[in-house]
Protein backbone atom coordinates (compact mmCIF):
# COMPACT_ATOMS: atom_id res chain seq x y z
CA MET A 1 52.76 40.48 4.38
CA GLU A 2 50.60 43.10 2.71
CA ILE A 3 47.17 43.31 4.76
CA ARG A 4 44.78 46.13 3.47
CA GLY A 5 47.54 47.53 1.17
CA GLU A 6 49.95 48.01 3.95
CA GLU A 7 52.98 46.21 4.74
CA VAL A 8 52.83 44.35 8.01
CA LEU A 9 56.04 42.99 9.80
CA LEU A 10 55.68 39.77 11.19
CA PRO A 11 51.79 39.66 11.03
CA VAL A 12 50.11 37.42 13.83
CA SER A 13 47.14 35.19 12.73
CA ALA A 14 45.29 31.97 14.57
CA VAL A 15 44.59 29.18 12.51
CA SER A 16 40.91 28.32 12.90
CA ALA A 17 39.07 26.64 16.01
CA TYR A 18 38.69 28.77 19.16
CA PRO A 19 36.85 27.34 22.39
CA ARG A 20 33.26 28.26 22.53
CA PRO A 21 31.72 30.00 25.55
CA HIS A 22 29.84 27.23 27.66
CA TRP A 23 26.70 28.60 26.97
CA LEU A 24 26.71 28.04 23.15
CA GLN A 25 25.80 24.71 22.77
CA GLY A 26 25.05 22.28 19.39
CA ARG A 27 25.37 22.75 15.84
CA VAL A 28 24.30 26.32 14.67
CA PHE A 29 23.51 25.98 10.96
CA GLY A 30 21.65 23.66 9.17
CA SER A 31 22.45 21.35 6.24
CA LEU A 32 21.24 21.86 2.53
CA GLN A 33 17.60 20.59 3.57
CA GLU A 34 17.32 22.98 7.05
CA PRO A 35 17.23 26.75 7.52
CA THR A 36 20.61 28.46 7.55
CA TRP A 37 19.99 29.07 11.04
CA ARG A 38 18.52 26.13 13.39
CA SER A 39 17.07 28.59 15.55
CA GLN A 40 16.93 32.47 16.32
CA GLY A 41 18.08 31.50 19.98
CA LEU A 42 21.28 29.81 18.54
CA ARG A 43 21.94 32.45 15.97
CA VAL A 44 21.84 35.28 18.88
CA ALA A 45 24.03 32.98 20.74
CA TYR A 46 26.65 32.34 17.96
CA GLU A 47 26.96 36.08 17.26
CA ASP A 48 27.60 36.73 20.69
CA ALA A 49 30.53 33.73 20.90
CA CYS A 50 31.88 35.24 17.74
CA LYS A 51 32.46 38.49 19.23
CA ILE A 52 33.76 37.20 22.29
CA CYS A 53 36.11 35.56 19.91
CA ALA A 54 36.98 38.15 17.75
CA ARG A 55 37.55 40.42 20.84
CA GLU A 56 40.21 38.08 22.45
CA GLN A 57 41.82 37.95 19.08
CA GLU A 58 41.99 41.40 18.91
CA LYS A 59 43.23 41.97 22.56
CA ALA A 60 46.07 39.33 22.02
CA GLY A 61 47.69 41.54 19.03
CA LEU A 62 46.28 39.42 15.74
CA HIS A 63 46.18 40.88 12.29
CA VAL A 64 43.98 38.63 10.34
CA LEU A 65 41.44 36.99 12.71
CA THR A 66 39.65 33.82 12.42
CA ASP A 67 35.85 32.83 13.24
CA GLY A 68 36.85 30.48 15.60
CA VAL A 69 34.37 27.88 14.26
CA GLN A 70 31.90 28.53 16.87
CA TYR A 71 29.63 27.31 14.45
CA TYR A 72 30.34 23.89 15.62
CA ASP A 73 30.43 21.44 18.96
CA TRP A 74 34.18 21.63 19.50
CA GLU A 75 33.50 20.85 23.03
CA ALA A 76 32.46 17.31 21.82
CA PRO A 77 34.52 16.28 19.92
CA GLY A 78 33.25 12.33 19.67
CA TYR A 79 30.19 13.57 18.17
CA GLN A 80 29.44 12.35 14.67
CA LEU A 81 28.65 15.74 13.65
CA GLU A 82 32.28 16.68 13.55
CA PRO A 83 32.76 20.41 11.55
CA ILE A 84 35.99 19.67 9.76
CA PHE A 85 34.80 16.16 8.07
CA HIS A 86 31.11 17.05 7.56
CA TYR A 87 30.07 20.64 7.32
CA ILE A 88 31.06 21.30 3.79
CA THR A 89 29.64 18.11 2.37
CA GLU A 90 26.26 18.45 4.05
CA ASN A 91 25.89 21.78 2.16
CA LEU A 92 26.86 20.72 -1.30
CA GLY A 93 24.66 18.94 -3.89
CA GLY A 94 25.38 15.28 -4.83
CA CYS A 95 26.50 14.32 -0.92
CA ALA A 96 24.70 12.55 1.42
CA PRO A 97 25.59 12.10 5.34
CA TYR A 98 25.84 8.93 7.68
CA GLY A 99 27.66 6.81 5.36
CA PRO A 100 30.31 4.34 6.71
CA PRO A 101 32.46 5.06 9.92
CA GLY A 102 35.94 6.89 8.86
CA GLN A 103 38.88 4.62 8.57
CA GLY A 104 41.29 4.01 11.53
CA VAL A 105 40.33 4.09 15.06
CA LYS A 106 40.77 7.77 15.72
CA TYR A 107 38.02 8.84 12.88
CA ARG A 108 35.97 5.71 13.43
CA PRO A 109 33.44 7.97 15.36
CA PHE A 110 33.06 10.52 12.46
CA TYR A 111 30.83 8.85 9.30
CA GLN A 112 31.91 9.60 5.93
CA SER A 113 29.43 11.54 3.66
CA ILE A 114 28.49 9.69 0.39
CA ILE A 115 28.77 10.85 -2.99
CA LYS A 116 25.65 10.00 -4.91
CA SER A 117 25.51 12.08 -7.75
CA LYS A 118 27.59 15.02 -9.37
CA ILE A 119 28.85 17.03 -6.68
CA THR A 120 27.16 21.03 -6.94
CA TRP A 121 27.13 24.31 -5.18
CA GLU A 122 23.67 24.99 -4.23
CA ARG A 123 23.47 27.76 -1.99
CA PRO A 124 25.98 30.00 0.26
CA ILE A 125 27.86 27.76 2.88
CA PHE A 126 29.54 30.32 4.83
CA GLU A 127 27.51 33.21 4.14
CA GLY A 128 26.45 33.33 8.07
CA VAL A 129 30.16 33.18 9.34
CA VAL A 130 31.09 36.02 7.33
CA MET A 131 28.11 38.49 8.03
CA THR A 132 28.48 37.43 11.64
CA MET A 133 32.31 38.37 11.57
CA GLN A 134 31.67 41.52 9.77
CA ASN A 135 29.40 42.83 12.72
CA ALA A 136 32.13 41.38 15.34
CA THR A 137 35.11 43.14 14.09
CA ASP A 138 36.60 45.75 12.02
CA GLN A 139 39.59 44.01 11.49
CA PRO A 140 40.13 41.46 8.33
CA PHE A 141 39.22 37.83 9.09
CA LYS A 142 39.53 34.53 7.26
CA VAL A 143 37.31 31.51 6.80
CA ALA A 144 38.47 28.32 7.05
CA PHE A 145 37.64 25.20 5.20
CA LEU A 146 38.95 21.76 3.95
CA GLY A 147 39.78 21.79 0.21
CA PRO A 148 38.89 19.71 -2.73
CA ALA A 149 41.87 16.97 -2.40
CA GLN A 150 41.54 16.49 0.81
CA GLN A 151 37.62 16.23 0.74
CA SER A 152 38.15 13.67 -2.05
CA VAL A 153 40.01 11.41 0.13
CA ILE A 154 37.55 11.46 3.41
CA VAL A 155 34.08 10.47 1.61
CA LYS A 156 32.59 7.42 -0.02
CA ASP A 157 32.36 7.61 -3.39
CA GLU A 158 29.63 6.04 -5.13
CA TYR A 159 29.22 8.03 -8.31
CA TYR A 160 32.51 9.23 -10.00
CA GLY A 161 34.76 6.04 -9.69
CA ASP A 162 37.39 8.54 -10.26
CA GLN A 163 39.19 10.55 -7.40
CA ILE A 164 40.59 13.31 -9.42
CA ALA A 165 37.19 14.06 -11.21
CA MET A 166 35.61 14.07 -7.76
CA ALA A 167 38.10 16.74 -6.42
CA ARG A 168 37.61 18.62 -9.62
CA ASP A 169 33.99 19.03 -8.70
CA PHE A 170 34.75 20.01 -5.36
CA ALA A 171 36.93 22.66 -6.44
CA ILE A 172 34.55 24.00 -9.12
CA ALA A 173 31.84 24.42 -6.04
CA LEU A 174 34.13 25.78 -3.57
CA ASN A 175 35.41 28.39 -6.01
CA THR A 176 31.92 29.47 -6.40
CA GLU A 177 31.34 29.78 -2.73
CA LEU A 178 34.72 31.58 -1.92
CA LYS A 179 33.84 34.14 -4.93
CA TYR A 180 30.36 34.63 -3.56
CA LEU A 181 32.04 35.19 0.06
CA VAL A 182 34.75 37.65 -1.73
CA ASP A 183 31.75 39.77 -3.10
CA ILE A 184 30.01 40.04 0.31
CA GLY A 185 33.21 41.68 2.09
CA LEU A 186 35.47 38.49 2.81
CA GLU A 187 38.96 39.59 2.50
CA ALA A 188 40.95 36.04 3.32
CA VAL A 189 40.29 32.58 2.89
CA GLN A 190 42.22 29.61 4.28
CA LEU A 191 42.48 25.94 2.64
CA ILE A 192 43.00 23.07 5.59
CA ASP A 193 44.93 20.36 4.18
CA VAL A 194 46.04 17.06 5.51
CA LEU A 195 47.24 15.22 2.35
CA PRO A 196 50.44 16.78 1.38
CA PRO A 197 52.67 14.90 4.14
CA TYR A 198 50.81 11.52 2.39
CA THR A 199 51.26 12.37 -1.32
CA THR A 200 53.06 15.12 -3.36
CA ASP A 201 50.89 14.15 -6.63
CA MET A 202 50.91 17.40 -8.44
CA TRP A 203 47.13 17.11 -9.10
CA GLN A 204 46.37 18.71 -5.58
CA ILE A 205 48.01 21.79 -7.27
CA GLU A 206 45.26 21.51 -10.20
CA MET A 207 42.79 21.44 -7.81
CA GLN A 208 44.33 24.74 -5.88
CA ASN A 209 44.15 26.35 -9.21
CA ILE A 210 40.50 25.68 -10.01
CA LEU A 211 39.74 26.32 -6.31
CA PHE A 212 41.09 29.75 -6.49
CA ASP A 213 40.61 31.08 -9.71
CA GLY A 214 39.23 34.57 -9.72
CA VAL A 215 39.24 34.75 -6.13
CA ASP A 216 40.56 38.04 -5.14
CA ALA A 217 41.25 37.50 -1.45
CA THR A 218 44.57 36.90 0.66
CA LYS A 219 44.99 32.75 0.25
CA PHE A 220 46.27 30.94 3.01
CA TRP A 221 47.29 27.24 2.86
CA HIS A 222 47.82 25.40 6.31
CA VAL A 223 49.16 22.06 5.82
CA CYS A 224 47.81 20.11 8.88
CA TYR A 225 49.68 17.51 10.58
CA GLY A 226 46.28 16.14 12.54
CA SER A 227 44.65 17.62 15.48
CA VAL A 228 41.59 15.64 16.22
CA ASP A 229 41.04 15.32 19.80
CA GLY A 230 44.84 17.09 19.88
CA GLN A 231 46.54 14.22 18.52
CA ARG A 232 48.85 14.39 15.49
CA ASP A 233 49.06 12.04 12.81
CA VAL A 234 52.46 12.93 11.05
CA PHE A 235 55.74 12.19 13.05
CA ASP A 236 58.09 12.37 10.22
CA ASN A 237 59.43 14.98 8.23
CA HIS A 238 57.98 16.02 4.78
CA ALA A 239 59.00 19.42 4.19
CA THR A 240 61.13 18.94 1.80
CA ALA A 241 59.34 16.60 -0.29
CA MET A 242 56.18 19.29 -0.18
CA MET A 243 58.61 21.97 -1.38
CA ALA A 244 57.53 21.26 -4.95
CA LEU A 245 53.83 21.93 -4.26
CA PHE A 246 54.65 24.98 -2.34
CA LYS A 247 56.34 26.43 -5.36
CA GLU A 248 53.52 25.74 -7.53
CA SER A 249 51.00 26.54 -5.45
CA PRO A 250 48.53 29.89 -5.81
CA ALA A 251 48.41 30.76 -2.09
CA ASP A 252 49.80 33.61 -0.64
CA VAL A 253 50.64 32.27 2.79
CA ILE A 254 51.60 28.39 3.54
CA HIS A 255 51.60 27.58 6.89
CA LEU A 256 52.53 24.47 9.19
CA GLU A 257 53.11 23.17 12.33
CA MET A 258 56.43 23.37 13.85
CA ALA A 259 56.29 23.92 17.88
CA ASN A 260 55.45 20.44 18.53
CA LYS A 261 57.70 19.10 16.23
CA GLY A 262 60.81 20.77 17.72
CA TYR A 263 61.41 22.80 14.21
CA ASP A 264 63.60 19.86 12.88
CA GLU A 265 61.77 20.85 9.36
CA LEU A 266 62.95 24.43 9.71
CA PRO A 267 66.02 23.91 7.73
CA ALA A 268 64.12 22.81 4.66
CA PHE A 269 62.56 26.23 4.09
CA ARG A 270 65.83 27.71 3.18
CA ASP A 271 64.65 26.56 -0.27
CA PHE A 272 60.85 28.16 0.37
CA PRO A 273 59.49 30.12 -2.62
CA THR A 274 60.33 33.92 -2.40
CA ASP A 275 57.00 34.92 -3.56
CA LYS A 276 55.25 33.78 -0.64
CA VAL A 277 54.68 34.23 3.06
CA LEU A 278 55.80 31.00 5.34
CA GLY A 279 53.26 30.80 8.19
CA VAL A 280 55.34 29.10 11.17
CA GLY A 281 53.62 27.88 13.75
CA VAL A 282 55.17 28.87 17.69
CA ILE A 283 52.76 27.81 19.63
CA ASP A 284 52.21 24.02 20.51
CA THR A 285 48.43 23.21 20.14
CA LYS A 286 48.94 19.74 21.81
CA ASP A 287 50.41 20.84 24.71
CA MET A 288 48.12 22.43 27.57
CA GLN A 289 51.31 24.42 29.08
CA VAL A 290 51.06 27.92 28.06
CA GLU A 291 54.53 29.03 26.65
CA THR A 292 56.19 32.01 27.85
CA PRO A 293 56.59 35.06 25.52
CA GLU A 294 60.44 34.62 25.89
CA LEU A 295 59.96 30.99 24.42
CA VAL A 296 57.63 32.12 21.64
CA GLU A 297 60.40 34.74 21.04
CA ALA A 298 63.26 32.59 20.62
CA ARG A 299 61.02 30.34 18.45
CA ILE A 300 60.60 33.40 15.93
CA ARG A 301 64.02 34.32 16.21
CA GLY A 302 65.11 30.81 15.06
CA ALA A 303 62.71 31.39 12.05
CA LEU A 304 63.99 34.37 10.97
CA GLU A 305 67.33 32.56 10.50
CA VAL A 306 65.53 30.74 7.54
CA VAL A 307 62.87 33.44 6.41
CA PRO A 308 63.19 37.21 6.36
CA PRO A 309 60.82 39.13 8.59
CA ASP A 310 58.86 40.32 5.37
CA ARG A 311 57.66 36.86 4.49
CA LEU A 312 57.35 35.16 7.73
CA LEU A 313 53.61 35.00 9.61
CA ILE A 314 53.60 34.16 12.96
CA ALA A 315 50.77 31.51 14.19
CA PRO A 316 49.93 28.63 16.34
CA ASP A 317 50.87 25.06 15.20
CA CYS A 318 46.97 24.49 14.26
CA GLY A 319 43.52 25.22 15.75
CA LEU A 320 42.70 25.86 19.33
CA GLY A 321 39.34 24.34 19.56
CA TYR A 322 39.95 21.58 22.10
CA PHE A 323 41.61 23.89 24.76
CA SER A 324 39.81 25.88 27.88
CA ARG A 325 38.98 29.59 26.94
CA THR A 326 41.47 30.46 29.47
CA VAL A 327 44.30 28.33 28.10
CA ALA A 328 43.51 29.12 24.23
CA TYR A 329 43.57 32.96 25.23
CA ALA A 330 46.73 32.90 27.44
CA LYS A 331 48.45 31.31 24.47
CA LEU A 332 47.34 33.78 21.69
CA ARG A 333 48.56 36.17 24.53
CA ALA A 334 52.07 34.91 24.67
CA MET A 335 52.08 34.93 20.89
CA GLY A 336 51.23 38.08 20.22
CA GLN A 337 53.24 39.80 22.91
CA ALA A 338 56.27 37.58 21.73
CA ALA A 339 55.91 38.86 17.94
CA ASP A 340 55.62 42.29 19.26
CA ASN A 341 58.44 42.46 20.98
CA VAL A 342 60.65 40.78 18.36
CA ARG A 343 59.02 43.32 15.60
CA ARG A 344 59.98 46.51 17.86
CA ALA A 345 63.49 44.94 18.17
CA LEU A 346 64.12 44.46 14.28
């Protein structure tokens, strides 16, 4: 995989969330009608937390870092201000917060945003994240976000009456955001998507093409099998059915959970498109037990039987935000050490 113009064999990256230090509490960034930073005290604490997050990833041997979503309350997953579901809609025009509860028992604590009018980009959403991480590390890092197709199924639509039209405006707004972030120096972006295991309708790829149009950055696509409070939503296998989406996607890297599912989907990736990098989950993000480097090495070698080392990215299954910092770092360290051992042996 090419990183900053150089080929890196078996690069290592996290997904998104990483546990926050106990002294960083509450929401850091304001919503659309608030200041970007809720207070200068929170800003300083957040900047310090990002430095810790970046440093621990560097020590663990990661090549593309994540901001760790340090700007939201991962230590309080039951709160209504849950980052994955609301942060973007609370910073776009046309969206109103505090709608009805989410659907299903697990999502009932999280309210739905309401679409009241045309969705528009109003101001930078992740600017504070990018500027903070630029001061925290010299390594490349990515900003992760829910994409337009996913956003279209977790909101209450009172304006469009057409899911695809609504998703298209989400895509246009987020494309403006991504171009802005790249202009200020962001090198990688990561789409987080729970939708493909449930539907393989190709309009999702149309939305990705709009989303990533003209975005000069490495494009990651994390297909998520669910991770709210450490719980998985998808138990059966969908990789074969999703392959048509993967082949048409403009993403450079496509990553899926595999460790928790026991790698029973891995053989399907013999048909994975050869112009893309496959991100394989080798760390179980729903298990408190820290993997040994030897176990992770075996998982990497198993993946190498399907995808060659120049097209394989090593990553956890999902985000590590619900773990303690001790466990999260130990899991990253085992992953980085294992990847290094396999890389040296190749």
